[in-house]
Amino acid sequence: RGKLFYYKTGGTKMNKDNLEQLIHNYMEKYDLLNDAEHDEIYKWNAVNHFQKYWDLDTDEFGEMFKQAMEKSFNLINNGIVQPTSGIVFLCKQDKKTEREVQEEFRKLLAPDEGNIKVRQGRIHMFVDAINEKLQKAAPNKWKYNQDRRSVIMYLSFIAPDENFMFKSTEARAFSDCYEFGEDIGSGQTFRLDVYYRMCRELVDEIKKHKDLCALLEEKLKYEAEVDEDKTNPVTEVAGKYNILAYDLIYCAHAYNLYENISVRKRKKLSAVEQKRQEKENRVKDLIAQREEKNEQFEQLEKQLNEMKFPDIIGMKVKNIRYGEGNVTDQNGKYVTVEFTAGAKNFILPDAFEKGFLKSADEEISACFEEIGSLKKTKEKYEGNIRLLSTEISRLCKH
């Protein structure tokens, strides 16, 4: 113990002791990770379910994709963005659009001889192509937009033997613990090839841990036994160890499996130097988080800038205090309503989003409510970015 080692590929040093401790911590908490409440084994079930239904050549691509993604849960979508719903939405527009979406997947999956840089380039092209279609079909539905991570996740479902699931913060935390030696980057500097290299080396180490592999096989066997569908056993799921690599990376961060692990220094550091390096690592992590939030904020801001308030002049509306009235003027975000009690001014979209005005036209009301929701989310991102920036500045000054 205590020796750093070299991998032949990449020539980067790894902290094997830290990895051993991390795997030990993971195995110690394995029952907790996979109990009824946490159920992290769902990742394997999700990929297995997807593999059962995935068919690139089907005539009903949208329905196929929807069915295949039914068990992906929060692996790709969350409360803020739903990229898989965006794919399904586009496919429902018409057959022409559905075929175009299908063709973009075909381009994404074209042979690349394992060249991950080429694969990353295709990911970016896929994102641009699909988002352009979404912008034309539904400019207000910003939640449907694709991003790099969502497409990396698609690939990990479609070809799990060749790809890895990904979350930025979790990946960087693991890289630091593992002392990977190469920076996977973030934002515009992100390198998928470096991330995949790290994951492949992790898989190599995982396969040496027979007890860990046995735990996984036992759990998959149990899942297959309780599954009513016996035609597609999860024990045969493709890429099971690639999924395990991501599960280890994800759970290490989500369940604080790094608690008793310290990143080993390549040389003995003074207390002052160690504190300085810890601060630098913290700043790097905060900057990575801020870059992620900035990307989300910019995407959201673009959507808001392209959205227009509906023209509601002449529309009948109701107010809980003044009763029914007619909209007589609309100027930017201000609207004037003539009631029996006189003219009253309101601010859009708040008037509809907060319920001060109500309309029988559900589409109009929904539009204002969505704009209001977008503004709230934008303000939330602004607050998050401001807090991260403040903390980064504070750390850099001391």
Protein backbone atom coordinates (compact mmCIF):
# COMPACT_ATOMS: atom_id res chain seq x y z
CA ARG A 1 0.00 0.00 0.00
CA GLY A 2 0.96 3.63 -0.31
CA LYS A 3 2.38 3.44 -3.83
CA LEU A 4 1.19 5.48 -6.75
CA PHE A 5 1.00 3.54 -9.98
CA TYR A 6 1.02 4.30 -13.69
CA TYR A 7 -1.46 3.21 -16.32
CA LYS A 8 0.00 2.52 -19.72
CA THR A 9 -2.68 4.60 -21.39
CA GLY A 10 -2.41 8.29 -20.70
CA GLY A 11 0.69 7.99 -18.49
CA THR A 12 -1.13 9.60 -15.57
CA LYS A 13 -0.58 8.79 -11.92
CA MET A 14 -3.41 7.39 -9.84
CA ASN A 15 -3.93 7.23 -6.10
CA LYS A 16 -4.81 3.57 -5.73
CA ASP A 17 -5.14 3.80 -1.95
CA ASN A 18 -7.91 6.36 -2.29
CA LEU A 19 -9.72 4.22 -4.84
CA GLU A 20 -9.44 1.17 -2.59
CA GLN A 21 -10.90 3.14 0.31
CA LEU A 22 -13.67 4.53 -1.87
CA ILE A 23 -14.66 1.07 -3.11
CA HIS A 24 -14.60 -0.14 0.50
CA ASN A 25 -16.91 2.71 1.55
CA TYR A 26 -19.20 1.98 -1.40
CA MET A 27 -19.47 -1.70 -0.46
CA GLU A 28 -20.03 -0.85 3.20
CA LYS A 29 -23.06 1.24 2.24
CA TYR A 30 -24.22 -1.00 -0.61
CA ASP A 31 -27.38 -2.15 1.20
CA LEU A 32 -28.30 1.46 1.99
CA LEU A 33 -27.67 2.56 -1.60
CA ASN A 34 -30.03 -0.11 -2.86
CA ASP A 35 -32.76 -0.21 -0.24
CA ALA A 36 -36.36 0.65 -1.06
CA GLU A 37 -35.83 4.35 -0.41
CA HIS A 38 -32.65 4.92 -2.47
CA ASP A 39 -32.80 2.11 -5.06
CA GLU A 40 -29.68 3.12 -6.99
CA ILE A 41 -29.90 -0.19 -8.88
CA TYR A 42 -32.54 1.54 -11.00
CA LYS A 43 -29.74 2.72 -13.32
CA TRP A 44 -29.24 -0.84 -14.57
CA ASN A 45 -32.99 -1.39 -14.87
CA ALA A 46 -33.32 1.86 -16.82
CA VAL A 47 -30.66 0.89 -19.36
CA ASN A 48 -32.02 -2.65 -19.62
CA HIS A 49 -35.53 -1.35 -20.28
CA PHE A 50 -34.19 1.09 -22.89
CA GLN A 51 -32.26 -1.66 -24.65
CA LYS A 52 -35.41 -3.75 -24.90
CA TYR A 53 -37.28 -1.09 -26.86
CA TRP A 54 -34.58 0.86 -28.70
CA ASP A 55 -34.90 0.57 -32.47
CA LEU A 56 -33.23 3.19 -34.66
CA ASP A 57 -35.04 1.92 -37.78
CA THR A 58 -38.61 1.88 -36.46
CA ASP A 59 -41.37 3.76 -38.32
CA GLU A 60 -42.69 5.09 -34.99
CA PHE A 61 -39.50 6.63 -33.66
CA GLY A 62 -41.12 9.05 -31.19
CA GLU A 63 -43.30 6.41 -29.55
CA MET A 64 -40.37 4.02 -29.42
CA PHE A 65 -38.14 6.61 -27.76
CA LYS A 66 -40.84 7.51 -25.23
CA GLN A 67 -41.37 3.88 -24.30
CA ALA A 68 -37.64 3.17 -24.13
CA MET A 69 -37.07 6.11 -21.77
CA GLU A 70 -39.95 5.25 -19.42
CA LYS A 71 -37.65 4.04 -16.63
CA SER A 72 -34.92 6.67 -16.97
CA PHE A 73 -36.59 8.82 -14.28
CA ASN A 74 -34.18 11.54 -13.10
CA LEU A 75 -31.10 10.17 -14.86
CA ILE A 76 -31.65 12.62 -17.72
CA ASN A 77 -34.67 14.77 -16.84
CA ASN A 78 -35.23 16.76 -13.66
CA GLY A 79 -37.59 19.38 -12.29
CA ILE A 80 -36.06 22.10 -14.46
CA VAL A 81 -35.28 20.45 -17.79
CA GLN A 82 -36.88 17.55 -19.68
CA PRO A 83 -34.78 16.91 -22.81
CA THR A 84 -36.28 13.45 -23.46
CA SER A 85 -39.73 15.06 -23.56
CA GLY A 86 -38.31 17.47 -26.14
CA ILE A 87 -37.40 14.58 -28.43
CA VAL A 88 -40.88 13.05 -28.04
CA PHE A 89 -42.52 16.46 -28.57
CA LEU A 90 -40.69 17.03 -31.86
CA CYS A 91 -41.59 13.57 -33.11
CA LYS A 92 -45.27 14.30 -32.48
CA GLN A 93 -45.26 17.37 -34.76
CA ASP A 94 -45.49 15.48 -38.03
CA LYS A 95 -43.86 12.58 -39.85
CA LYS A 96 -41.35 14.81 -41.59
CA THR A 97 -40.03 16.21 -38.31
CA GLU A 98 -40.02 12.76 -36.75
CA ARG A 99 -37.87 11.46 -39.62
CA GLU A 100 -35.52 14.43 -39.24
CA VAL A 101 -35.07 13.71 -35.53
CA GLN A 102 -34.46 10.05 -36.34
CA GLU A 103 -31.83 11.09 -38.89
CA GLU A 104 -30.05 13.26 -36.30
CA PHE A 105 -29.76 10.20 -34.07
CA ARG A 106 -28.42 8.25 -37.03
CA LYS A 107 -25.73 10.89 -37.58
CA LEU A 108 -24.89 10.88 -33.86
CA LEU A 109 -24.44 7.11 -33.92
CA ALA A 110 -22.43 6.85 -37.13
CA PRO A 111 -19.23 4.77 -36.71
CA ASP A 112 -16.34 6.77 -35.29
CA GLU A 113 -13.77 3.96 -34.74
CA GLY A 114 -13.66 4.84 -31.05
CA ASN A 115 -12.49 8.41 -31.69
CA ILE A 116 -14.08 10.16 -28.71
CA LYS A 117 -13.14 13.63 -29.97
CA VAL A 118 -15.16 12.94 -33.10
CA ARG A 119 -17.98 11.66 -30.90
CA GLN A 120 -17.94 14.85 -28.84
CA GLY A 121 -18.14 16.92 -32.03
CA ARG A 122 -21.20 14.95 -33.12
CA ILE A 123 -22.77 15.50 -29.72
CA HIS A 124 -22.49 19.27 -30.22
CA MET A 125 -23.93 19.03 -33.73
CA PHE A 126 -26.85 16.96 -32.42
CA VAL A 127 -27.57 19.53 -29.70
CA ASP A 128 -27.56 22.41 -32.22
CA ALA A 129 -29.73 20.57 -34.75
CA ILE A 130 -32.40 19.43 -32.28
CA ASN A 131 -32.55 22.76 -30.45
CA GLU A 132 -32.99 24.59 -33.74
CA LYS A 133 -36.00 22.41 -34.49
CA LEU A 134 -37.37 22.93 -30.99
CA GLN A 135 -36.99 26.70 -31.34
CA LYS A 136 -39.11 26.64 -34.48
CA ALA A 137 -41.72 24.21 -33.15
CA ALA A 138 -42.02 25.47 -29.57
CA PRO A 139 -40.03 28.62 -28.76
CA ASN A 140 -41.65 28.85 -25.32
CA LYS A 141 -40.83 25.31 -24.20
CA TRP A 142 -37.26 25.94 -23.05
CA LYS A 143 -37.39 22.92 -20.74
CA TYR A 144 -37.25 20.67 -23.80
CA ASN A 145 -33.83 21.92 -24.97
CA GLN A 146 -30.94 19.49 -25.32
CA ASP A 147 -27.48 19.97 -23.86
CA ARG A 148 -24.20 18.11 -23.92
CA ARG A 149 -24.95 16.06 -20.83
CA SER A 150 -28.35 14.86 -22.03
CA VAL A 151 -26.83 13.58 -25.28
CA ILE A 152 -23.95 11.87 -23.44
CA MET A 153 -26.64 10.13 -21.41
CA TYR A 154 -28.52 9.08 -24.57
CA LEU A 155 -25.31 7.47 -25.81
CA SER A 156 -24.83 5.66 -22.50
CA PHE A 157 -28.31 4.15 -22.94
CA ILE A 158 -27.98 3.35 -26.65
CA ALA A 159 -24.44 1.89 -26.52
CA PRO A 160 -23.66 1.28 -22.84
CA ASP A 161 -20.61 -0.87 -23.63
CA GLU A 162 -18.95 2.07 -25.38
CA ASN A 163 -20.14 5.05 -23.34
CA PHE A 164 -20.48 6.28 -19.77
CA MET A 165 -23.12 8.26 -17.91
CA PHE A 166 -21.97 11.69 -16.82
CA LYS A 167 -22.54 14.45 -14.28
CA SER A 168 -20.00 17.25 -14.12
CA THR A 169 -19.63 17.95 -10.40
CA GLU A 170 -19.54 14.25 -9.50
CA ALA A 171 -16.95 13.52 -12.20
CA ARG A 172 -14.65 16.31 -11.04
CA ALA A 173 -14.94 15.21 -7.39
CA PHE A 174 -13.95 11.68 -8.34
CA SER A 175 -11.08 12.92 -10.50
CA ASP A 176 -9.73 14.87 -7.53
CA CYS A 177 -10.05 11.92 -5.15
CA TYR A 178 -8.51 9.53 -7.66
CA GLU A 179 -5.78 12.07 -8.51
CA PHE A 180 -6.40 11.28 -12.14
CA GLY A 181 -3.78 13.70 -13.40
CA GLU A 182 -5.64 14.94 -16.48
CA ASP A 183 -8.25 17.68 -16.31
CA ILE A 184 -11.62 16.64 -17.76
CA GLY A 185 -12.41 20.35 -18.06
CA SER A 186 -15.80 22.03 -17.82
CA GLY A 187 -17.96 24.25 -19.98
CA GLN A 188 -16.17 25.01 -23.24
CA THR A 189 -13.01 23.19 -22.06
CA PHE A 190 -14.75 19.88 -21.30
CA ARG A 191 -13.02 16.84 -22.80
CA LEU A 192 -15.12 13.72 -23.22
CA ASP A 193 -12.08 11.64 -24.22
CA VAL A 194 -10.36 12.37 -20.91
CA TYR A 195 -13.51 11.56 -18.93
CA TYR A 196 -13.97 8.28 -20.81
CA ARG A 197 -10.31 7.37 -20.25
CA MET A 198 -10.76 7.88 -16.52
CA CYS A 199 -13.93 5.76 -16.52
CA ARG A 200 -12.30 2.93 -18.48
CA GLU A 201 -9.43 2.82 -16.03
CA LEU A 202 -11.95 2.75 -13.20
CA VAL A 203 -13.73 -0.20 -14.86
CA ASP A 204 -10.40 -2.05 -15.09
CA GLU A 205 -9.96 -1.64 -11.34
CA ILE A 206 -13.58 -2.57 -10.58
CA LYS A 207 -13.20 -5.88 -12.43
CA LYS A 208 -10.30 -6.79 -10.13
CA HIS A 209 -12.64 -6.55 -7.13
CA LYS A 210 -14.41 -9.89 -7.30
CA ASP A 211 -16.38 -9.18 -4.11
CA LEU A 212 -17.73 -5.93 -5.55
CA CYS A 213 -18.65 -7.61 -8.83
CA ALA A 214 -20.35 -10.40 -6.86
CA LEU A 215 -22.45 -7.83 -4.96
CA LEU A 216 -23.63 -6.36 -8.23
CA GLU A 217 -24.38 -9.75 -9.80
CA GLU A 218 -26.35 -10.80 -6.74
CA LYS A 219 -28.43 -7.63 -6.82
CA LEU A 220 -29.06 -7.90 -10.56
CA LYS A 221 -30.12 -11.52 -10.10
CA TYR A 222 -32.61 -10.44 -7.46
CA GLU A 223 -33.94 -7.68 -9.74
CA ALA A 224 -34.37 -10.20 -12.56
CA GLU A 225 -36.29 -12.58 -10.27
CA VAL A 226 -38.79 -9.96 -9.12
CA ASP A 227 -39.25 -8.56 -12.64
CA GLU A 228 -42.46 -9.89 -14.16
CA ASP A 229 -40.96 -9.65 -17.65
CA LYS A 230 -38.64 -12.64 -17.96
CA THR A 231 -37.77 -12.03 -21.63
CA ASN A 232 -35.21 -9.31 -20.94
CA PRO A 233 -33.33 -10.18 -17.71
CA VAL A 234 -31.34 -7.31 -16.22
CA THR A 235 -28.55 -9.78 -15.46
CA GLU A 236 -27.75 -9.66 -19.19
CA VAL A 237 -27.76 -5.86 -19.48
CA ALA A 238 -25.01 -4.46 -21.69
CA GLY A 239 -22.30 -2.32 -20.12
CA LYS A 240 -23.05 -3.40 -16.54
CA TYR A 241 -19.55 -2.43 -15.36
CA ASN A 242 -19.63 0.88 -17.21
CA ILE A 243 -22.83 1.63 -15.30
CA LEU A 244 -21.14 0.52 -12.09
CA ALA A 245 -18.28 2.96 -12.73
CA TYR A 246 -20.78 5.82 -12.98
CA ASP A 247 -22.72 4.57 -9.95
CA LEU A 248 -19.52 4.64 -7.91
CA ILE A 249 -18.69 8.16 -9.14
CA TYR A 250 -22.24 9.39 -8.48
CA CYS A 251 -22.77 7.71 -5.09
CA ALA A 252 -19.36 8.83 -3.82
CA HIS A 253 -20.54 12.43 -4.13
CA ALA A 254 -24.24 11.98 -3.32
CA TYR A 255 -23.67 9.86 -0.19
CA ASN A 256 -20.41 11.46 1.00
CA LEU A 257 -18.29 8.35 0.50
CA TYR A 258 -15.24 10.64 0.45
CA GLU A 259 -15.70 11.40 4.15
CA ASN A 260 -12.60 9.55 5.39
CA ILE A 261 -10.48 10.04 2.25
CA SER A 262 -7.91 12.77 1.79
CA VAL A 263 -6.30 13.54 -1.54
CA ARG A 264 -2.67 12.49 -1.26
CA LYS A 265 -0.07 15.04 -2.22
CA ARG A 266 2.81 14.13 -4.47
CA LYS A 267 5.17 15.69 -2.00
CA LYS A 268 4.95 16.50 1.66
CA LEU A 269 3.34 19.87 2.12
CA SER A 270 3.52 22.31 4.96
CA ALA A 271 0.30 23.09 6.79
CA VAL A 272 0.18 26.45 5.02
CA GLU A 273 0.74 24.92 1.57
CA GLN A 274 -1.82 22.18 2.23
CA LYS A 275 -4.39 24.77 3.23
CA ARG A 276 -3.60 26.77 0.09
CA GLN A 277 -4.05 23.72 -2.12
CA GLU A 278 -7.32 22.78 -0.44
CA LYS A 279 -8.54 26.31 -1.12
CA GLU A 280 -7.49 26.03 -4.78
CA ASN A 281 -9.41 22.77 -5.13
CA ARG A 282 -12.46 24.38 -3.54
CA VAL A 283 -12.25 27.33 -5.93
CA LYS A 284 -11.99 24.96 -8.92
CA ASP A 285 -15.10 23.12 -7.78
CA LEU A 286 -17.04 26.37 -7.29
CA ILE A 287 -15.95 27.63 -10.72
CA ALA A 288 -17.15 24.38 -12.31
CA GLN A 289 -20.52 24.76 -10.57
CA ARG A 290 -20.76 28.38 -11.71
CA GLU A 291 -19.99 27.41 -15.31
CA GLU A 292 -22.82 24.88 -15.24
CA LYS A 293 -25.23 27.48 -13.83
CA ASN A 294 -24.05 30.04 -16.38
CA GLU A 295 -24.77 27.64 -19.24
CA GLN A 296 -28.28 27.02 -17.88
CA PHE A 297 -28.82 30.74 -17.28
CA GLU A 298 -27.72 31.70 -20.81
CA GLN A 299 -29.98 29.09 -22.33
CA LEU A 300 -32.91 30.34 -20.26
CA GLU A 301 -32.18 34.01 -20.98
CA LYS A 302 -32.14 33.28 -24.71
CA GLN A 303 -35.55 31.65 -24.43
CA LEU A 304 -36.98 34.61 -22.51
CA ASN A 305 -35.60 37.13 -25.00
CA GLU A 306 -37.27 35.29 -27.86
CA MET A 307 -40.65 35.08 -26.12
CA LYS A 308 -43.28 37.78 -26.69
CA PHE A 309 -46.30 38.66 -24.61
CA PRO A 310 -49.55 37.72 -26.39
CA ASP A 311 -51.65 40.63 -27.64
CA ILE A 312 -54.62 40.76 -25.27
CA ILE A 313 -56.15 44.14 -26.16
CA GLY A 314 -59.93 43.74 -26.26
CA MET A 315 -59.86 40.58 -24.15
CA LYS A 316 -62.28 40.14 -21.26
CA VAL A 317 -60.59 39.41 -17.93
CA LYS A 318 -61.67 39.06 -14.33
CA ASN A 319 -60.25 40.45 -11.12
CA ILE A 320 -61.30 39.17 -7.70
CA ARG A 321 -61.87 42.74 -6.45
CA TYR A 322 -63.12 44.66 -9.50
CA GLY A 323 -64.98 41.90 -11.31
CA GLU A 324 -65.05 41.65 -15.10
CA GLY A 325 -63.27 44.16 -17.29
CA ASN A 326 -61.88 44.76 -20.80
CA VAL A 327 -58.20 45.18 -21.68
CA THR A 328 -57.96 48.61 -23.34
CA ASP A 329 -54.21 49.13 -23.62
CA GLN A 330 -51.02 47.09 -23.61
CA ASN A 331 -47.58 48.69 -23.61
CA GLY A 332 -44.65 46.34 -23.06
CA LYS A 333 -45.11 44.73 -19.66
CA TYR A 334 -47.93 47.09 -18.65
CA VAL A 335 -51.60 46.48 -19.36
CA THR A 336 -54.66 48.64 -18.67
CA VAL A 337 -58.04 47.11 -17.85
CA GLU A 338 -61.29 49.09 -17.82
CA PHE A 339 -63.59 47.97 -14.98
CA THR A 340 -66.88 49.42 -13.81
CA ALA A 341 -64.88 51.03 -11.00
CA GLY A 342 -62.53 52.64 -13.54
CA ALA A 343 -59.26 51.88 -15.34
CA LYS A 344 -56.63 49.85 -13.48
CA ASN A 345 -53.03 49.10 -14.51
CA PHE A 346 -51.32 45.74 -14.09
CA ILE A 347 -47.84 44.36 -14.75
CA LEU A 348 -47.28 41.38 -17.03
CA PRO A 349 -46.75 38.48 -16.64
CA ASP A 350 -47.29 38.84 -12.86
CA ALA A 351 -50.95 39.78 -13.23
CA PHE A 352 -51.79 36.37 -14.70
CA GLU A 353 -49.03 34.33 -13.08
CA LYS A 354 -50.04 35.53 -9.59
CA GLY A 355 -53.76 35.31 -10.26
CA PHE A 356 -54.65 39.05 -10.21
CA LEU A 357 -56.18 38.66 -13.66
CA LYS A 358 -57.93 35.60 -15.05
CA SER A 359 -58.95 34.85 -18.61
CA ALA A 360 -61.26 32.28 -20.12
CA ASP A 361 -58.59 31.72 -22.76
CA GLU A 362 -56.51 28.96 -21.17
CA GLU A 363 -53.71 29.23 -23.74
CA ILE A 364 -53.21 32.93 -22.99
CA SER A 365 -53.17 32.30 -19.25
CA ALA A 366 -50.77 29.37 -19.65
CA CYS A 367 -48.43 31.50 -21.78
CA PHE A 368 -48.19 34.25 -19.15
CA GLU A 369 -47.80 31.67 -16.38
CA GLU A 370 -44.94 29.99 -18.24
CA ILE A 371 -43.17 33.31 -18.81
CA GLY A 372 -43.59 34.06 -15.11
CA SER A 373 -42.19 30.68 -14.18
CA LEU A 374 -39.22 31.24 -16.49
CA LYS A 375 -38.51 34.59 -14.86
CA LYS A 376 -38.53 32.99 -11.41
CA THR A 377 -36.14 30.28 -12.57
CA LYS A 378 -33.88 32.92 -14.12
CA GLU A 379 -33.85 34.86 -10.84
CA LYS A 380 -32.99 31.64 -9.01
CA TYR A 381 -30.04 31.02 -11.35
CA GLU A 382 -28.92 34.64 -10.93
CA GLY A 383 -28.97 34.18 -7.16
CA ASN A 384 -27.02 30.92 -7.37
CA ILE A 385 -24.41 32.46 -9.68
CA ARG A 386 -24.11 35.52 -7.45
CA LEU A 387 -23.56 33.38 -4.35
CA LEU A 388 -20.98 31.23 -6.13
CA SER A 389 -19.17 34.31 -7.42
CA THR A 390 -19.15 35.88 -3.97
CA GLU A 391 -17.69 32.74 -2.44
CA ILE A 392 -15.06 32.47 -5.19
CA SER A 393 -14.06 36.11 -4.67
CA ARG A 394 -13.88 35.64 -0.91
CA LEU A 395 -11.61 32.62 -1.24
CA CYS A 396 -9.38 34.31 -3.80
CA LYS A 397 -8.85 37.37 -1.58
CA HIS A 398 -7.57 35.40 1.40
